[in-house]
């Protein structure tokens, strides 16, 4: 839990620390001051964790532009996630990567396997690096994905009939 610090010959240091939350407060950062921050698995952070990290950017700036910098590395979150809401605004940059970008290390066969296994919404997020669609609430049927939703229209001159079967084996809604 204490982390690890590497001291470089030019006088700079790199500190590796984990974060955790206790009683609603982000721990393990104390009153440390950083010149730059890099955080992995940022999609698992609460926005308040990000704000604590950003507040720690108070050490002398190591960049020629005199800007303090932080990098968050994350799997693409859904459209209701704070990362989606915050990034893309002035003062922030969003860099998207695709699994295809790492093809020399992953291999074509592995990528093809993922493409075959993943449903379209997962391919969009985890292979194409695009932010995912958010659906409110829990799915009635486990395995429900946004691809199940199809546009349709109602003819106002006809009655609308609905049937709902809550069956355990094959539940169904019909219009």
C-alpha atoms as a PDB file:
ATOM      1  CA  UNK A   1       0.000   0.000   0.000  1.00  0.00           C
ATOM      2  CA  UNK A   2       2.911   2.360   0.534  1.00  0.00           C
ATOM      3  CA  UNK A   3       3.741   2.690  -3.146  1.00  0.00           C
ATOM      4  CA  UNK A   4       7.122   2.811  -4.810  1.00  0.00           C
ATOM      5  CA  UNK A   5       9.300   5.754  -5.775  1.00  0.00           C
ATOM      6  CA  UNK A   6      11.963   5.781  -8.482  1.00  0.00           C
ATOM      7  CA  UNK A   7      14.632   8.490  -8.314  1.00  0.00           C
ATOM      8  CA  UNK A   8      16.106   9.543 -11.686  1.00  0.00           C
ATOM      9  CA  UNK A   9      19.591  10.923 -12.339  1.00  0.00           C
ATOM     10  CA  UNK A  10      18.175  14.317 -13.382  1.00  0.00           C
ATOM     11  CA  UNK A  11      16.634  14.863  -9.936  1.00  0.00           C
ATOM     12  CA  UNK A  12      13.055  13.961 -10.849  1.00  0.00           C
ATOM     13  CA  UNK A  13      11.088  11.204  -9.176  1.00  0.00           C
ATOM     14  CA  UNK A  14       8.250   8.928 -10.238  1.00  0.00           C
ATOM     15  CA  UNK A  15       5.952   7.696  -7.475  1.00  0.00           C
ATOM     16  CA  UNK A  16       3.574   4.785  -7.947  1.00  0.00           C
ATOM     17  CA  UNK A  17       0.671   4.794  -5.484  1.00  0.00           C
ATOM     18  CA  UNK A  18      -2.719   3.181  -5.262  1.00  0.00           C
ATOM     19  CA  UNK A  19      -5.891   5.042  -4.380  1.00  0.00           C
ATOM     20  CA  UNK A  20      -8.738   3.884  -2.258  1.00  0.00           C
ATOM     21  CA  UNK A  21     -11.731   5.563  -0.667  1.00  0.00           C
ATOM     22  CA  UNK A  22     -12.441   5.595   3.067  1.00  0.00           C
ATOM     23  CA  UNK A  23     -15.516   7.288   4.511  1.00  0.00           C
ATOM     24  CA  UNK A  24     -16.131   9.053   1.204  1.00  0.00           C
ATOM     25  CA  UNK A  25     -12.616  10.525   0.967  1.00  0.00           C
ATOM     26  CA  UNK A  26      -9.906   9.505  -1.470  1.00  0.00           C
ATOM     27  CA  UNK A  27      -6.900   8.201   0.469  1.00  0.00           C
ATOM     28  CA  UNK A  28      -3.225   7.543  -0.230  1.00  0.00           C
ATOM     29  CA  UNK A  29      -2.472  10.952  -1.705  1.00  0.00           C
ATOM     30  CA  UNK A  30      -2.147  12.918   1.515  1.00  0.00           C
ATOM     31  CA  UNK A  31      -0.680  16.347   0.985  1.00  0.00           C
ATOM     32  CA  UNK A  32       1.640  15.276  -1.829  1.00  0.00           C
ATOM     33  CA  UNK A  33       2.305  17.704  -4.658  1.00  0.00           C
ATOM     34  CA  UNK A  34       2.857  16.430  -8.193  1.00  0.00           C
ATOM     35  CA  UNK A  35       4.125  18.050 -11.390  1.00  0.00           C
ATOM     36  CA  UNK A  36       2.266  15.511 -13.536  1.00  0.00           C
ATOM     37  CA  UNK A  37      -0.148  12.656 -12.897  1.00  0.00           C
ATOM     38  CA  UNK A  38      -0.973   9.499 -14.829  1.00  0.00           C
ATOM     39  CA  UNK A  39      -3.832   7.286 -13.637  1.00  0.00           C
ATOM     40  CA  UNK A  40      -4.907   3.870 -14.953  1.00  0.00           C
ATOM     41  CA  UNK A  41      -8.450   2.438 -14.957  1.00  0.00           C
ATOM     42  CA  UNK A  42      -9.910   5.951 -14.682  1.00  0.00           C
ATOM     43  CA  UNK A  43     -13.356   4.725 -15.712  1.00  0.00           C
ATOM     44  CA  UNK A  44     -13.526   3.167 -12.228  1.00  0.00           C
ATOM     45  CA  UNK A  45     -12.925   6.534 -10.493  1.00  0.00           C
ATOM     46  CA  UNK A  46     -15.620   8.757  -9.130  1.00  0.00           C
ATOM     47  CA  UNK A  47     -15.370  12.322 -10.419  1.00  0.00           C
ATOM     48  CA  UNK A  48     -14.368  13.437  -6.924  1.00  0.00           C
ATOM     49  CA  UNK A  49     -11.310  11.119  -7.166  1.00  0.00           C
ATOM     50  CA  UNK A  50     -10.310  12.923 -10.354  1.00  0.00           C
ATOM     51  CA  UNK A  51     -10.742  16.296  -8.638  1.00  0.00           C
ATOM     52  CA  UNK A  52      -8.510  15.159  -5.748  1.00  0.00           C
ATOM     53  CA  UNK A  53      -5.858  14.095  -8.272  1.00  0.00           C
ATOM     54  CA  UNK A  54      -6.152  17.372 -10.164  1.00  0.00           C
ATOM     55  CA  UNK A  55      -5.741  19.323  -6.900  1.00  0.00           C
ATOM     56  CA  UNK A  56      -2.421  17.521  -6.298  1.00  0.00           C
ATOM     57  CA  UNK A  57      -0.996  19.098  -9.486  1.00  0.00           C
ATOM     58  CA  UNK A  58       0.733  21.873  -7.633  1.00  0.00           C
ATOM     59  CA  UNK A  59       4.433  21.067  -7.896  1.00  0.00           C
ATOM     60  CA  UNK A  60       6.799  22.863 -10.255  1.00  0.00           C
ATOM     61  CA  UNK A  61       5.783  22.245 -13.835  1.00  0.00           C
ATOM     62  CA  UNK A  62       8.101  19.936 -15.811  1.00  0.00           C
ATOM     63  CA  UNK A  63       6.784  20.930 -19.234  1.00  0.00           C
ATOM     64  CA  UNK A  64       8.047  23.742 -21.492  1.00  0.00           C
ATOM     65  CA  UNK A  65       4.479  25.043 -21.934  1.00  0.00           C
ATOM     66  CA  UNK A  66       4.289  25.735 -18.172  1.00  0.00           C
ATOM     67  CA  UNK A  67       1.026  23.784 -17.992  1.00  0.00           C
ATOM     68  CA  UNK A  68       0.387  21.164 -15.363  1.00  0.00           C
ATOM     69  CA  UNK A  69      -0.702  17.896 -16.923  1.00  0.00           C
ATOM     70  CA  UNK A  70      -2.544  14.784 -15.980  1.00  0.00           C
ATOM     71  CA  UNK A  71      -3.294  11.707 -18.054  1.00  0.00           C
ATOM     72  CA  UNK A  72      -6.191   9.383 -17.402  1.00  0.00           C
ATOM     73  CA  UNK A  73      -6.112   6.004 -19.090  1.00  0.00           C
ATOM     74  CA  UNK A  74      -9.519   4.355 -19.324  1.00  0.00           C
ATOM     75  CA  UNK A  75     -11.654   1.936 -21.204  1.00  0.00           C
ATOM     76  CA  UNK A  76     -14.275   3.970 -23.062  1.00  0.00           C
ATOM     77  CA  UNK A  77     -17.044   4.723 -20.552  1.00  0.00           C
ATOM     78  CA  UNK A  78     -20.750   5.077 -21.244  1.00  0.00           C
ATOM     79  CA  UNK A  79     -22.311   8.399 -22.242  1.00  0.00           C
ATOM     80  CA  UNK A  80     -23.547   9.104 -18.683  1.00  0.00           C
ATOM     81  CA  UNK A  81     -20.068   8.717 -17.132  1.00  0.00           C
ATOM     82  CA  UNK A  82     -18.281  11.828 -15.838  1.00  0.00           C
ATOM     83  CA  UNK A  83     -15.336  11.264 -18.216  1.00  0.00           C
ATOM     84  CA  UNK A  84     -17.694  11.512 -21.198  1.00  0.00           C
ATOM     85  CA  UNK A  85     -19.291  14.653 -19.719  1.00  0.00           C
ATOM     86  CA  UNK A  86     -16.012  16.443 -18.876  1.00  0.00           C
ATOM     87  CA  UNK A  87     -13.611  15.661 -21.695  1.00  0.00           C
ATOM     88  CA  UNK A  88     -13.815  17.371 -25.040  1.00  0.00           C
ATOM     89  CA  UNK A  89     -14.335  20.714 -23.291  1.00  0.00           C
ATOM     90  CA  UNK A  90     -11.732  23.518 -23.338  1.00  0.00           C
ATOM     91  CA  UNK A  91      -8.727  22.700 -21.188  1.00  0.00           C
ATOM     92  CA  UNK A  92      -9.127  18.967 -21.738  1.00  0.00           C
ATOM     93  CA  UNK A  93      -8.118  16.662 -24.560  1.00  0.00           C
ATOM     94  CA  UNK A  94      -9.509  13.259 -25.390  1.00  0.00           C
ATOM     95  CA  UNK A  95      -7.318  10.808 -27.281  1.00  0.00           C
ATOM     96  CA  UNK A  96      -9.073   7.685 -28.536  1.00  0.00           C
ATOM     97  CA  UNK A  97      -7.313   4.488 -29.435  1.00  0.00           C
ATOM     98  CA  UNK A  98      -8.530   1.366 -31.169  1.00  0.00           C
ATOM     99  CA  UNK A  99      -7.572  -2.203 -30.454  1.00  0.00           C
ATOM    100  CA  UNK A 100      -6.432  -2.268 -34.095  1.00  0.00           C
ATOM    101  CA  UNK A 101      -3.678   0.218 -33.112  1.00  0.00           C
ATOM    102  CA  UNK A 102      -2.070  -2.546 -31.043  1.00  0.00           C
ATOM    103  CA  UNK A 103      -2.343  -5.216 -33.745  1.00  0.00           C
ATOM    104  CA  UNK A 104       1.433  -5.925 -33.975  1.00  0.00           C
ATOM    105  CA  UNK A 105       1.390  -6.949 -30.293  1.00  0.00           C
ATOM    106  CA  UNK A 106      -2.005  -8.670 -30.191  1.00  0.00           C
ATOM    107  CA  UNK A 107      -2.003 -10.504 -33.502  1.00  0.00           C
ATOM    108  CA  UNK A 108      -4.654 -10.656 -36.196  1.00  0.00           C
ATOM    109  CA  UNK A 109      -6.133 -13.945 -34.897  1.00  0.00           C
ATOM    110  CA  UNK A 110      -6.815 -12.487 -31.444  1.00  0.00           C
ATOM    111  CA  UNK A 111      -8.501  -9.403 -32.906  1.00  0.00           C
ATOM    112  CA  UNK A 112     -10.688 -11.573 -35.181  1.00  0.00           C
ATOM    113  CA  UNK A 113     -11.659 -13.681 -32.157  1.00  0.00           C
ATOM    114  CA  UNK A 114     -12.746 -10.582 -30.222  1.00  0.00           C
ATOM    115  CA  UNK A 115     -14.701  -9.263 -33.216  1.00  0.00           C
ATOM    116  CA  UNK A 116     -16.558 -12.584 -33.420  1.00  0.00           C
ATOM    117  CA  UNK A 117     -17.218 -12.815 -29.665  1.00  0.00           C
ATOM    118  CA  UNK A 118     -18.261  -9.242 -28.870  1.00  0.00           C
ATOM    119  CA  UNK A 119     -21.768  -7.943 -29.543  1.00  0.00           C
ATOM    120  CA  UNK A 120     -21.889  -4.706 -31.598  1.00  0.00           C
ATOM    121  CA  UNK A 121     -22.077  -2.396 -28.538  1.00  0.00           C
ATOM    122  CA  UNK A 122     -18.934  -3.986 -27.071  1.00  0.00           C
ATOM    123  CA  UNK A 123     -17.108  -3.815 -30.405  1.00  0.00           C
ATOM    124  CA  UNK A 124     -17.941  -0.101 -30.544  1.00  0.00           C
ATOM    125  CA  UNK A 125     -16.520   0.520 -27.047  1.00  0.00           C
ATOM    126  CA  UNK A 126     -13.711  -1.964 -26.566  1.00  0.00           C
ATOM    127  CA  UNK A 127     -12.446  -2.450 -30.117  1.00  0.00           C
ATOM    128  CA  UNK A 128     -13.249   0.872 -31.806  1.00  0.00           C
ATOM    129  CA  UNK A 129     -12.598   3.024 -28.711  1.00  0.00           C
ATOM    130  CA  UNK A 130     -15.909   4.905 -28.956  1.00  0.00           C
ATOM    131  CA  UNK A 131     -17.930   5.979 -25.941  1.00  0.00           C
ATOM    132  CA  UNK A 132     -20.776   3.565 -25.262  1.00  0.00           C
ATOM    133  CA  UNK A 133     -24.504   4.116 -25.199  1.00  0.00           C
ATOM    134  CA  UNK A 134     -26.092   4.283 -21.751  1.00  0.00           C
ATOM    135  CA  UNK A 135     -29.415   2.736 -20.896  1.00  0.00           C
ATOM    136  CA  UNK A 136     -31.159   3.787 -17.697  1.00  0.00           C
ATOM    137  CA  UNK A 137     -32.156   1.138 -15.170  1.00  0.00           C
ATOM    138  CA  UNK A 138     -31.592  -2.588 -15.254  1.00  0.00           C
ATOM    139  CA  UNK A 139     -32.496  -4.735 -18.257  1.00  0.00           C
ATOM    140  CA  UNK A 140     -35.638  -6.836 -17.901  1.00  0.00           C
ATOM    141  CA  UNK A 141     -33.793  -9.597 -19.706  1.00  0.00           C
ATOM    142  CA  UNK A 142     -30.108 -10.200 -18.956  1.00  0.00           C
ATOM    143  CA  UNK A 143     -28.125  -9.885 -22.165  1.00  0.00           C
ATOM    144  CA  UNK A 144     -30.246  -6.978 -23.450  1.00  0.00           C
ATOM    145  CA  UNK A 145     -28.153  -4.628 -25.598  1.00  0.00           C
ATOM    146  CA  UNK A 146     -28.882  -1.353 -27.445  1.00  0.00           C
ATOM    147  CA  UNK A 147     -29.028  -3.322 -30.712  1.00  0.00           C
ATOM    148  CA  UNK A 148     -32.322  -4.807 -29.500  1.00  0.00           C
ATOM    149  CA  UNK A 149     -33.955  -1.365 -29.796  1.00  0.00           C
ATOM    150  CA  UNK A 150     -35.280  -0.706 -33.304  1.00  0.00           C
ATOM    151  CA  UNK A 151     -37.101   2.392 -34.552  1.00  0.00           C
ATOM    152  CA  UNK A 152     -40.734   1.937 -35.418  1.00  0.00           C
ATOM    153  CA  UNK A 153     -43.776   4.093 -35.976  1.00  0.00           C
ATOM    154  CA  UNK A 154     -47.418   3.824 -35.024  1.00  0.00           C
ATOM    155  CA  UNK A 155     -50.298   4.364 -37.424  1.00  0.00           C
ATOM    156  CA  UNK A 156     -52.728   6.679 -35.641  1.00  0.00           C
ATOM    157  CA  UNK A 157     -55.686   5.276 -37.599  1.00  0.00           C
ATOM    158  CA  UNK A 158     -55.249   1.762 -36.127  1.00  0.00           C
ATOM    159  CA  UNK A 159     -55.581   0.522 -32.530  1.00  0.00           C
ATOM    160  CA  UNK A 160     -52.356  -0.342 -30.727  1.00  0.00           C
ATOM    161  CA  UNK A 161     -52.355  -3.821 -29.190  1.00  0.00           C
ATOM    162  CA  UNK A 162     -49.700  -4.962 -26.759  1.00  0.00           C
ATOM    163  CA  UNK A 163     -48.890  -8.379 -25.382  1.00  0.00           C
ATOM    164  CA  UNK A 164     -46.426  -9.129 -22.608  1.00  0.00           C
ATOM    165  CA  UNK A 165     -45.423 -12.657 -21.658  1.00  0.00           C
ATOM    166  CA  UNK A 166     -43.348 -12.834 -18.456  1.00  0.00           C
ATOM    167  CA  UNK A 167     -42.416 -16.457 -19.154  1.00  0.00           C
ATOM    168  CA  UNK A 168     -39.148 -17.655 -17.639  1.00  0.00           C
ATOM    169  CA  UNK A 169     -37.980 -19.569 -20.688  1.00  0.00           C
ATOM    170  CA  UNK A 170     -38.905 -17.140 -23.475  1.00  0.00           C
ATOM    171  CA  UNK A 171     -40.218 -13.772 -22.184  1.00  0.00           C
ATOM    172  CA  UNK A 172     -41.557 -11.502 -24.885  1.00  0.00           C
ATOM    173  CA  UNK A 173     -43.214  -8.157 -25.564  1.00  0.00           C
ATOM    174  CA  UNK A 174     -45.198  -7.761 -28.760  1.00  0.00           C
ATOM    175  CA  UNK A 175     -46.886  -4.702 -30.298  1.00  0.00           C
END
